[in-house]
Amino acid sequence: IQPKNNGGHGSLRSGLDAWHRKAEGKA
């Protein structure tokens, strides 16, 4: 998910990196 930052929107990059962190080494 592309995040929302301080009322605005974050980048696609930051959202994709967050999901890689959620999954890596767990799946």
PDB file of all heavy atoms in Angstrom:
ATOM      1  N   ILE A   1       0.832  -1.211   0.000  1.00  0.00           N
ATOM      2  CA  ILE A   1       0.000   0.000   0.000  1.00  0.00           C
ATOM      3  C   ILE A   1       0.865   1.259   0.000  1.00  0.00           C
ATOM      4  O   ILE A   1       1.754   1.412   0.847  1.00  0.00           O
ATOM      5  CB  ILE A   1      -0.937   0.023   1.230  1.00  0.00           C
ATOM      6  CG1 ILE A   1      -1.785  -1.254   1.293  1.00  0.00           C
ATOM      7  CG2 ILE A   1      -1.839   1.256   1.187  1.00  0.00           C
ATOM      8  CD1 ILE A   1      -2.656  -1.337   2.534  1.00  0.00           C
ATOM      9  N   GLN A   2       0.590   2.149  -0.930  1.00  0.00           N
ATOM     10  CA  GLN A   2       1.197   3.480  -0.901  1.00  0.00           C
ATOM     11  C   GLN A   2       0.736   4.178   0.372  1.00  0.00           C
ATOM     12  O   GLN A   2      -0.468   4.340   0.600  1.00  0.00           O
ATOM     13  CB  GLN A   2       0.766   4.279  -2.132  1.00  0.00           C
ATOM     14  CG  GLN A   2       1.300   5.704  -2.176  1.00  0.00           C
ATOM     15  CD  GLN A   2       0.631   6.527  -3.268  1.00  0.00           C
ATOM     16  OE1 GLN A   2      -0.231   6.048  -4.008  1.00  0.00           O
ATOM     17  NE2 GLN A   2       1.017   7.787  -3.369  1.00  0.00           N
ATOM     18  N   PRO A   3       1.642   4.600   1.254  1.00  0.00           N
ATOM     19  CA  PRO A   3       1.226   5.133   2.560  1.00  0.00           C
ATOM     20  C   PRO A   3       0.805   6.593   2.498  1.00  0.00           C
ATOM     21  O   PRO A   3       1.087   7.307   1.524  1.00  0.00           O
ATOM     22  CB  PRO A   3       2.501   4.982   3.403  1.00  0.00           C
ATOM     23  CG  PRO A   3       3.597   5.188   2.390  1.00  0.00           C
ATOM     24  CD  PRO A   3       3.104   4.559   1.105  1.00  0.00           C
ATOM     25  N   LYS A   4       0.141   7.000   3.570  1.00  0.00           N
ATOM     26  CA  LYS A   4      -0.151   8.411   3.767  1.00  0.00           C
ATOM     27  C   LYS A   4       0.814   8.947   4.825  1.00  0.00           C
ATOM     28  O   LYS A   4       0.992   8.344   5.870  1.00  0.00           O
ATOM     29  CB  LYS A   4      -1.589   8.610   4.231  1.00  0.00           C
ATOM     30  CG  LYS A   4      -2.613   8.289   3.158  1.00  0.00           C
ATOM     31  CD  LYS A   4      -3.998   8.709   3.584  1.00  0.00           C
ATOM     32  CE  LYS A   4      -4.982   8.573   2.436  1.00  0.00           C
ATOM     33  NZ  LYS A   4      -6.328   9.055   2.801  1.00  0.00           N
ATOM     34  N   ASN A   5       1.432  10.088   4.537  1.00  0.00           N
ATOM     35  CA  ASN A   5       2.400  10.665   5.461  1.00  0.00           C
ATOM     36  C   ASN A   5       1.966  12.072   5.851  1.00  0.00           C
ATOM     37  O   ASN A   5       1.875  12.966   5.006  1.00  0.00           O
ATOM     38  CB  ASN A   5       3.792  10.735   4.815  1.00  0.00           C
ATOM     39  CG  ASN A   5       4.343   9.354   4.501  1.00  0.00           C
ATOM     40  OD1 ASN A   5       4.070   8.409   5.214  1.00  0.00           O
ATOM     41  ND2 ASN A   5       5.121   9.253   3.429  1.00  0.00           N
ATOM     42  N   ASN A   6       1.675  12.254   7.128  1.00  0.00           N
ATOM     43  CA  ASN A   6       1.333  13.579   7.645  1.00  0.00           C
ATOM     44  C   ASN A   6       0.232  14.261   6.843  1.00  0.00           C
ATOM     45  O   ASN A   6       0.314  15.440   6.514  1.00  0.00           O
ATOM     46  CB  ASN A   6       2.581  14.472   7.671  1.00  0.00           C
ATOM     47  CG  ASN A   6       3.688  13.895   8.525  1.00  0.00           C
ATOM     48  OD1 ASN A   6       3.418  13.365   9.611  1.00  0.00           O
ATOM     49  ND2 ASN A   6       4.927  13.983   8.059  1.00  0.00           N
ATOM     50  N   GLY A   7      -0.781  13.462   6.515  1.00  0.00           N
ATOM     51  CA  GLY A   7      -1.916  14.016   5.794  1.00  0.00           C
ATOM     52  C   GLY A   7      -1.751  13.993   4.295  1.00  0.00           C
ATOM     53  O   GLY A   7      -2.708  14.168   3.560  1.00  0.00           O
ATOM     54  N   GLY A   8      -0.522  13.791   3.811  1.00  0.00           N
ATOM     55  CA  GLY A   8      -0.290  13.664   2.392  1.00  0.00           C
ATOM     56  C   GLY A   8      -0.042  12.214   2.045  1.00  0.00           C
ATOM     57  O   GLY A   8      -0.330  11.317   2.830  1.00  0.00           O
ATOM     58  N   HIS A   9       0.506  11.985   0.882  1.00  0.00           N
ATOM     59  CA  HIS A   9       0.755  10.625   0.435  1.00  0.00           C
ATOM     60  C   HIS A   9       2.235  10.365   0.269  1.00  0.00           C
ATOM     61  O   HIS A   9       2.982  11.221  -0.200  1.00  0.00           O
ATOM     62  CB  HIS A   9       0.038  10.355  -0.888  1.00  0.00           C
ATOM     63  CG  HIS A   9      -1.433  10.192  -0.735  1.00  0.00           C
ATOM     64  ND1 HIS A   9      -2.280  11.263  -0.645  1.00  0.00           N
ATOM     65  CD2 HIS A   9      -2.199   9.084  -0.618  1.00  0.00           C
ATOM     66  CE1 HIS A   9      -3.524  10.828  -0.512  1.00  0.00           C
ATOM     67  NE2 HIS A   9      -3.504   9.519  -0.487  1.00  0.00           N
ATOM     68  N   GLY A  10       2.646   9.185   0.673  1.00  0.00           N
ATOM     69  CA  GLY A  10       4.016   8.776   0.486  1.00  0.00           C
ATOM     70  C   GLY A  10       4.230   8.202  -0.894  1.00  0.00           C
ATOM     71  O   GLY A  10       3.334   8.161  -1.735  1.00  0.00           O
ATOM     72  N   SER A  11       5.420   7.747  -1.117  1.00  0.00           N
ATOM     73  CA  SER A  11       5.781   7.227  -2.427  1.00  0.00           C
ATOM     74  C   SER A  11       5.391   5.763  -2.563  1.00  0.00           C
ATOM     75  O   SER A  11       5.197   5.054  -1.571  1.00  0.00           O
ATOM     76  CB  SER A  11       7.292   7.372  -2.638  1.00  0.00           C
ATOM     77  OG  SER A  11       7.993   6.552  -1.703  1.00  0.00           O
ATOM     78  N   LEU A  12       5.302   5.311  -3.809  1.00  0.00           N
ATOM     79  CA  LEU A  12       5.126   3.881  -4.048  1.00  0.00           C
ATOM     80  C   LEU A  12       6.317   3.106  -3.484  1.00  0.00           C
ATOM     81  O   LEU A  12       6.171   2.016  -2.939  1.00  0.00           O
ATOM     82  CB  LEU A  12       4.984   3.604  -5.544  1.00  0.00           C
ATOM     83  CG  LEU A  12       3.856   4.320  -6.300  1.00  0.00           C
ATOM     84  CD1 LEU A  12       3.796   3.806  -7.745  1.00  0.00           C
ATOM     85  CD2 LEU A  12       2.520   4.148  -5.613  1.00  0.00           C
ATOM     86  N   ARG A  13       7.515   3.700  -3.633  1.00  0.00           N
ATOM     87  CA  ARG A  13       8.732   3.049  -3.144  1.00  0.00           C
ATOM     88  C   ARG A  13       8.643   2.731  -1.658  1.00  0.00           C
ATOM     89  O   ARG A  13       8.981   1.631  -1.214  1.00  0.00           O
ATOM     90  CB  ARG A  13       9.919   3.972  -3.416  1.00  0.00           C
ATOM     91  CG  ARG A  13      11.237   3.615  -2.759  1.00  0.00           C
ATOM     92  CD  ARG A  13      12.006   2.648  -3.613  1.00  0.00           C
ATOM     93  NE  ARG A  13      11.627   1.279  -3.373  1.00  0.00           N
ATOM     94  CZ  ARG A  13      11.682   0.318  -4.304  1.00  0.00           C
ATOM     95  NH1 ARG A  13      12.046   0.602  -5.521  1.00  0.00           N
ATOM     96  NH2 ARG A  13      11.333  -0.900  -4.013  1.00  0.00           N
ATOM     97  N   SER A  14       8.200   3.696  -0.856  1.00  0.00           N
ATOM     98  CA  SER A  14       8.142   3.481   0.591  1.00  0.00           C
ATOM     99  C   SER A  14       7.122   2.407   0.943  1.00  0.00           C
ATOM    100  O   SER A  14       7.335   1.595   1.852  1.00  0.00           O
ATOM    101  CB  SER A  14       7.826   4.784   1.329  1.00  0.00           C
ATOM    102  OG  SER A  14       6.588   5.329   0.903  1.00  0.00           O
ATOM    103  N   GLY A  15       6.001   2.365   0.201  1.00  0.00           N
ATOM    104  CA  GLY A  15       5.011   1.324   0.454  1.00  0.00           C
ATOM    105  C   GLY A  15       5.521  -0.048   0.090  1.00  0.00           C
ATOM    106  O   GLY A  15       5.342  -1.019   0.843  1.00  0.00           O
ATOM    107  N   LEU A  16       6.189  -0.154  -1.060  1.00  0.00           N
ATOM    108  CA  LEU A  16       6.709  -1.444  -1.483  1.00  0.00           C
ATOM    109  C   LEU A  16       7.807  -1.934  -0.544  1.00  0.00           C
ATOM    110  O   LEU A  16       7.849  -3.120  -0.165  1.00  0.00           O
ATOM    111  CB  LEU A  16       7.241  -1.337  -2.914  1.00  0.00           C
ATOM    112  CG  LEU A  16       7.726  -2.619  -3.575  1.00  0.00           C
ATOM    113  CD1 LEU A  16       6.650  -3.703  -3.557  1.00  0.00           C
ATOM    114  CD2 LEU A  16       8.186  -2.342  -5.003  1.00  0.00           C
ATOM    115  N   ASP A  17       8.676  -1.027  -0.112  1.00  0.00           N
ATOM    116  CA  ASP A  17       9.735  -1.408   0.826  1.00  0.00           C
ATOM    117  C   ASP A  17       9.141  -1.908   2.147  1.00  0.00           C
ATOM    118  O   ASP A  17       9.653  -2.863   2.745  1.00  0.00           O
ATOM    119  CB  ASP A  17      10.654  -0.227   1.099  1.00  0.00           C
ATOM    120  CG  ASP A  17      11.590   0.075  -0.072  1.00  0.00           C
ATOM    121  OD1 ASP A  17      11.679  -0.767  -0.991  1.00  0.00           O
ATOM    122  OD2 ASP A  17      12.205   1.156  -0.061  1.00  0.00           O
ATOM    123  N   ALA A  18       8.069  -1.267   2.592  1.00  0.00           N
ATOM    124  CA  ALA A  18       7.429  -1.696   3.844  1.00  0.00           C
ATOM    125  C   ALA A  18       6.908  -3.117   3.731  1.00  0.00           C
ATOM    126  O   ALA A  18       7.039  -3.918   4.670  1.00  0.00           O
ATOM    127  CB  ALA A  18       6.298  -0.735   4.207  1.00  0.00           C
ATOM    128  N   TRP A  19       6.328  -3.460   2.575  1.00  0.00           N
ATOM    129  CA  TRP A  19       5.791  -4.825   2.411  1.00  0.00           C
ATOM    130  C   TRP A  19       6.915  -5.858   2.251  1.00  0.00           C
ATOM    131  O   TRP A  19       6.793  -6.980   2.727  1.00  0.00           O
ATOM    132  CB  TRP A  19       4.791  -4.868   1.265  1.00  0.00           C
ATOM    133  CG  TRP A  19       3.395  -5.016   1.823  1.00  0.00           C
ATOM    134  CD1 TRP A  19       2.628  -6.141   1.851  1.00  0.00           C
ATOM    135  CD2 TRP A  19       2.624  -4.002   2.491  1.00  0.00           C
ATOM    136  NE1 TRP A  19       1.427  -5.896   2.489  1.00  0.00           N
ATOM    137  CE2 TRP A  19       1.395  -4.599   2.881  1.00  0.00           C
ATOM    138  CE3 TRP A  19       2.844  -2.655   2.794  1.00  0.00           C
ATOM    139  CZ2 TRP A  19       0.407  -3.888   3.565  1.00  0.00           C
ATOM    140  CZ3 TRP A  19       1.853  -1.954   3.460  1.00  0.00           C
ATOM    141  CH2 TRP A  19       0.658  -2.568   3.841  1.00  0.00           C
ATOM    142  N   HIS A  20       7.995  -5.474   1.641  1.00  0.00           N
ATOM    143  CA  HIS A  20       9.143  -6.389   1.602  1.00  0.00           C
ATOM    144  C   HIS A  20       9.626  -6.694   3.022  1.00  0.00           C
ATOM    145  O   HIS A  20       9.945  -7.845   3.337  1.00  0.00           O
ATOM    146  CB  HIS A  20      10.279  -5.789   0.773  1.00  0.00           C
ATOM    147  CG  HIS A  20      10.153  -6.014  -0.703  1.00  0.00           C
ATOM    148  ND1 HIS A  20      10.171  -7.278  -1.264  1.00  0.00           N
ATOM    149  CD2 HIS A  20      10.014  -5.135  -1.734  1.00  0.00           C
ATOM    150  CE1 HIS A  20      10.065  -7.169  -2.582  1.00  0.00           C
ATOM    151  NE2 HIS A  20       9.960  -5.886  -2.896  1.00  0.00           N
ATOM    152  N   ARG A  21       9.648  -5.681   3.875  1.00  0.00           N
ATOM    153  CA  ARG A  21      10.084  -5.904   5.266  1.00  0.00           C
ATOM    154  C   ARG A  21       9.114  -6.804   6.009  1.00  0.00           C
ATOM    155  O   ARG A  21       9.513  -7.644   6.833  1.00  0.00           O
ATOM    156  CB  ARG A  21      10.238  -4.570   5.999  1.00  0.00           C
ATOM    157  CG  ARG A  21      11.436  -3.753   5.540  1.00  0.00           C
ATOM    158  CD  ARG A  21      11.703  -2.596   6.486  1.00  0.00           C
ATOM    159  NE  ARG A  21      10.614  -1.636   6.523  1.00  0.00           N
ATOM    160  CZ  ARG A  21      10.512  -0.582   5.727  1.00  0.00           C
ATOM    161  NH1 ARG A  21      11.443  -0.346   4.803  1.00  0.00           N
ATOM    162  NH2 ARG A  21       9.487   0.263   5.836  1.00  0.00           N
ATOM    163  N   LYS A  22       7.812  -6.650   5.728  1.00  0.00           N
ATOM    164  CA  LYS A  22       6.814  -7.491   6.391  1.00  0.00           C
ATOM    165  C   LYS A  22       6.992  -8.974   6.031  1.00  0.00           C
ATOM    166  O   LYS A  22       6.742  -9.857   6.847  1.00  0.00           O
ATOM    167  CB  LYS A  22       5.398  -7.055   5.983  1.00  0.00           C
ATOM    168  CG  LYS A  22       4.925  -5.717   6.546  1.00  0.00           C
ATOM    169  CD  LYS A  22       3.595  -5.353   5.909  1.00  0.00           C
ATOM    170  CE  LYS A  22       3.108  -3.966   6.321  1.00  0.00           C
ATOM    171  NZ  LYS A  22       2.482  -3.965   7.646  1.00  0.00           N
ATOM    172  N   ALA A  23       7.393  -9.234   4.778  1.00  0.00           N
ATOM    173  CA  ALA A  23       7.379 -10.608   4.258  1.00  0.00           C
ATOM    174  C   ALA A  23       8.721 -11.313   4.342  1.00  0.00           C
ATOM    175  O   ALA A  23       8.773 -12.533   4.552  1.00  0.00           O
ATOM    176  CB  ALA A  23       6.914 -10.591   2.802  1.00  0.00           C
ATOM    177  N   GLU A  24       9.807 -10.574   4.164  1.00  0.00           N
ATOM    178  CA  GLU A  24      11.113 -11.199   3.997  1.00  0.00           C
ATOM    179  C   GLU A  24      11.497 -12.039   5.216  1.00  0.00           C
ATOM    180  O   GLU A  24      11.434 -11.574   6.359  1.00  0.00           O
ATOM    181  CB  GLU A  24      12.182 -10.143   3.733  1.00  0.00           C
ATOM    182  CG  GLU A  24      13.510 -10.722   3.315  1.00  0.00           C
ATOM    183  CD  GLU A  24      14.495  -9.654   2.869  1.00  0.00           C
ATOM    184  OE1 GLU A  24      14.148  -8.458   2.936  1.00  0.00           O
ATOM    185  OE2 GLU A  24      15.596 -10.021   2.452  1.00  0.00           O
ATOM    186  N   GLY A  25      11.877 -13.278   4.970  1.00  0.00           N
ATOM    187  CA  GLY A  25      12.309 -14.167   6.036  1.00  0.00           C
ATOM    188  C   GLY A  25      11.189 -14.782   6.842  1.00  0.00           C
ATOM    189  O   GLY A  25      11.441 -15.543   7.777  1.00  0.00           O
ATOM    190  N   LYS A  26       9.931 -14.489   6.483  1.00  0.00           N
ATOM    191  CA  LYS A  26       8.784 -15.004   7.237  1.00  0.00           C
ATOM    192  C   LYS A  26       7.942 -15.997   6.454  1.00  0.00           C
ATOM    193  O   LYS A  26       7.372 -16.926   7.028  1.00  0.00           O
ATOM    194  CB  LYS A  26       7.889 -13.846   7.687  1.00  0.00           C
ATOM    195  CG  LYS A  26       8.490 -12.931   8.725  1.00  0.00           C
ATOM    196  CD  LYS A  26       7.482 -11.857   9.125  1.00  0.00           C
ATOM    197  CE  LYS A  26       8.054 -10.927  10.180  1.00  0.00           C
ATOM    198  NZ  LYS A  26       7.089  -9.857  10.562  1.00  0.00           N
ATOM    199  N   ALA A  27       7.849 -15.804   5.153  1.00  0.00           N
ATOM    200  CA  ALA A  27       6.847 -16.528   4.372  1.00  0.00           C
ATOM    201  C   ALA A  27       7.197 -18.009   4.246  1.00  0.00           C
ATOM    202  O   ALA A  27       8.347 -18.389   4.028  1.00  0.00           O
ATOM    203  CB  ALA A  27       6.709 -15.906   2.987  1.00  0.00           C
TER     204      ALA A  27
END
